[in-house]
Protein backbone atom coordinates (compact mmCIF):
# COMPACT_ATOMS: atom_id res chain seq x y z
CA MET A 1 10.53 -6.13 8.45
CA THR A 2 9.44 -9.13 10.43
CA HIS A 3 12.47 -11.30 11.37
CA GLY A 4 12.76 -14.37 9.04
CA THR A 5 10.51 -13.14 6.30
CA ARG A 6 13.10 -11.44 4.06
CA ALA A 7 12.53 -13.03 0.56
CA VAL A 8 15.52 -10.99 -1.22
CA GLN A 9 19.14 -10.53 -0.86
CA ALA A 10 21.27 -7.55 -0.87
CA GLY A 11 22.22 -6.24 -4.36
CA GLN A 12 19.18 -8.14 -5.85
CA VAL A 13 17.05 -6.39 -8.45
CA VAL A 14 13.39 -6.31 -7.52
CA GLN A 15 10.30 -5.61 -9.55
CA PRO A 16 7.30 -3.40 -8.58
CA GLY A 17 4.95 -5.39 -6.61
CA GLN A 18 7.38 -8.19 -5.85
CA PHE A 19 7.25 -9.66 -2.38
CA ILE A 20 10.36 -8.72 -0.29
CA GLY A 21 8.98 -9.64 3.25
CA LYS A 22 6.54 -9.04 5.76
CA VAL A 23 6.21 -5.85 8.08
CA GLY A 24 4.69 -5.64 11.38
CA ASN A 25 4.58 -4.02 14.83
CA THR A 26 7.36 -5.32 17.02
CA GLY A 27 9.52 -3.90 19.63
CA HIS A 28 8.84 -0.30 20.68
CA SER A 29 6.97 0.95 17.60
CA PHE A 30 3.47 2.32 17.45
CA GLY A 31 2.33 0.60 14.29
CA ALA A 32 3.39 -1.55 11.36
CA HIS A 33 6.05 0.22 9.21
CA LEU A 34 9.05 -0.39 7.08
CA HIS A 35 12.42 1.44 7.25
CA PHE A 36 13.55 1.98 3.83
CA GLU A 37 17.11 3.16 2.93
CA VAL A 38 19.38 3.07 -0.16
CA ARG A 39 23.33 2.55 0.45
CA MET A 40 25.70 3.04 -2.26
CA ASN A 41 29.28 1.70 -1.74
CA GLY A 42 28.35 1.66 2.11
CA SER A 43 27.19 5.30 2.17
CA LEU A 44 23.48 6.27 2.67
CA VAL A 45 21.91 8.05 -0.30
CA GLU A 46 18.77 10.11 -0.18
CA PRO A 47 16.20 7.66 -1.34
CA VAL A 48 13.59 9.81 -2.98
CA SER A 49 16.03 11.14 -5.59
CA TRP A 50 17.54 7.66 -5.94
CA LEU A 51 14.01 6.21 -6.70
CA ARG A 52 13.21 8.87 -9.20
CA ALA A 53 16.37 8.23 -11.08
CA ASN A 54 16.38 4.47 -10.86
CA ALA A 55 12.91 3.19 -10.32
CA GLY A 56 11.46 4.13 -13.71
């Protein structure tokens, strides 16, 4: 996510299509992308299963 563009806070519920921030190509990446992870109580959770169970 491009520094300074985050429009949501940790723990906030978001809706499909809601703007959460801008992505771009910075640092040593080779194209615009977004790193997505899910944490529960500080531990990483496998995101695809979590999305299937929680994203409707």
